[in-house]
Amino acid sequence: MDLKVIEWGKKKYTNDGSMPEGGPEAARRYLEATIDRVRDAEFDLAPTWTNAYLPGKK
């Protein structure tokens, strides 16, 4: 099962290192399924990631 999860996750990375739309939400859904503290936490995902520092990204 661990290998399946790793293979699935590798497909989610972008070539330029940017976070795709919906990426933070997808990461949270994965973590909610595996970590109780994340599932029960309330936090704003907006400040958790930015593409602003990548060349050509805003």
C-alpha atoms as a PDB file:
ATOM      1  CA  MET A   1       0.000   0.000   0.000  1.00  0.00           C
ATOM      2  CA  ASP A   2       2.832   2.412   0.830  1.00  0.00           C
ATOM      3  CA  LEU A   3       4.312   1.943  -2.642  1.00  0.00           C
ATOM      4  CA  LYS A   4       0.939   2.652  -4.250  1.00  0.00           C
ATOM      5  CA  VAL A   5       0.631   5.889  -2.272  1.00  0.00           C
ATOM      6  CA  ILE A   6       4.164   6.941  -3.271  1.00  0.00           C
ATOM      7  CA  GLU A   7       3.497   6.221  -6.949  1.00  0.00           C
ATOM      8  CA  TRP A   8       0.228   8.178  -6.772  1.00  0.00           C
ATOM      9  CA  GLY A   9       1.963  11.095  -5.056  1.00  0.00           C
ATOM     10  CA  LYS A  10       4.818  11.277  -7.573  1.00  0.00           C
ATOM     11  CA  LYS A  11       2.321  11.989 -10.347  1.00  0.00           C
ATOM     12  CA  LYS A  12       1.104  15.072  -8.477  1.00  0.00           C
ATOM     13  CA  TYR A  13       4.405  16.983  -8.688  1.00  0.00           C
ATOM     14  CA  THR A  14       4.839  19.602 -11.392  1.00  0.00           C
ATOM     15  CA  ASN A  15       7.987  20.002 -13.496  1.00  0.00           C
ATOM     16  CA  ASP A  16       8.532  23.606 -12.381  1.00  0.00           C
ATOM     17  CA  GLY A  17       7.854  23.039  -8.672  1.00  0.00           C
ATOM     18  CA  SER A  18       4.657  25.078  -8.638  1.00  0.00           C
ATOM     19  CA  MET A  19       1.650  24.095  -6.573  1.00  0.00           C
ATOM     20  CA  PRO A  20      -1.264  23.271  -8.870  1.00  0.00           C
ATOM     21  CA  GLU A  21      -4.723  24.654  -8.155  1.00  0.00           C
ATOM     22  CA  GLY A  22      -6.351  22.490  -5.520  1.00  0.00           C
ATOM     23  CA  GLY A  23      -2.991  21.136  -4.350  1.00  0.00           C
ATOM     24  CA  PRO A  24      -3.163  22.322  -0.737  1.00  0.00           C
ATOM     25  CA  GLU A  25      -6.725  21.014  -0.425  1.00  0.00           C
ATOM     26  CA  ALA A  26      -5.677  17.625  -1.808  1.00  0.00           C
ATOM     27  CA  ALA A  27      -2.767  17.448   0.621  1.00  0.00           C
ATOM     28  CA  ARG A  28      -5.069  18.253   3.520  1.00  0.00           C
ATOM     29  CA  ARG A  29      -7.561  15.567   2.450  1.00  0.00           C
ATOM     30  CA  TYR A  30      -4.740  13.003   2.437  1.00  0.00           C
ATOM     31  CA  LEU A  31      -3.475  14.115   5.850  1.00  0.00           C
ATOM     32  CA  GLU A  32      -7.011  14.173   7.303  1.00  0.00           C
ATOM     33  CA  ALA A  33      -7.379  10.525   6.354  1.00  0.00           C
ATOM     34  CA  THR A  34      -4.216   9.545   8.189  1.00  0.00           C
ATOM     35  CA  ILE A  35      -3.742  12.000  11.101  1.00  0.00           C
ATOM     36  CA  ASP A  36      -6.452  12.724  13.669  1.00  0.00           C
ATOM     37  CA  ARG A  37      -4.946  16.064  14.712  1.00  0.00           C
ATOM     38  CA  VAL A  38      -5.178  17.360  11.138  1.00  0.00           C
ATOM     39  CA  ARG A  39      -8.713  16.062  10.749  1.00  0.00           C
ATOM     40  CA  ASP A  40      -9.816  17.921  13.878  1.00  0.00           C
ATOM     41  CA  ALA A  41      -7.838  21.127  13.220  1.00  0.00           C
ATOM     42  CA  GLU A  42      -9.239  24.324  11.789  1.00  0.00           C
ATOM     43  CA  PHE A  43      -6.774  26.414   9.798  1.00  0.00           C
ATOM     44  CA  ASP A  44      -6.648  28.567   6.695  1.00  0.00           C
ATOM     45  CA  LEU A  45      -4.878  26.846   3.791  1.00  0.00           C
ATOM     46  CA  ALA A  46      -4.365  30.092   1.838  1.00  0.00           C
ATOM     47  CA  PRO A  47      -1.119  31.130   3.571  1.00  0.00           C
ATOM     48  CA  THR A  48       0.387  27.630   3.513  1.00  0.00           C
ATOM     49  CA  TRP A  49       1.777  27.817  -0.025  1.00  0.00           C
ATOM     50  CA  THR A  50       2.632  30.391  -2.673  1.00  0.00           C
ATOM     51  CA  ASN A  51       3.970  30.208  -6.206  1.00  0.00           C
ATOM     52  CA  ALA A  52       4.963  33.884  -6.048  1.00  0.00           C
ATOM     53  CA  TYR A  53       8.670  33.131  -5.702  1.00  0.00           C
ATOM     54  CA  LEU A  54       8.882  30.946  -8.779  1.00  0.00           C
ATOM     55  CA  PRO A  55      10.125  32.594 -11.991  1.00  0.00           C
ATOM     56  CA  GLY A  56       7.174  33.703 -14.123  1.00  0.00           C
ATOM     57  CA  LYS A  57       4.597  32.876 -11.440  1.00  0.00           C
ATOM     58  CA  LYS A  58       2.423  35.199  -9.365  1.00  0.00           C
END
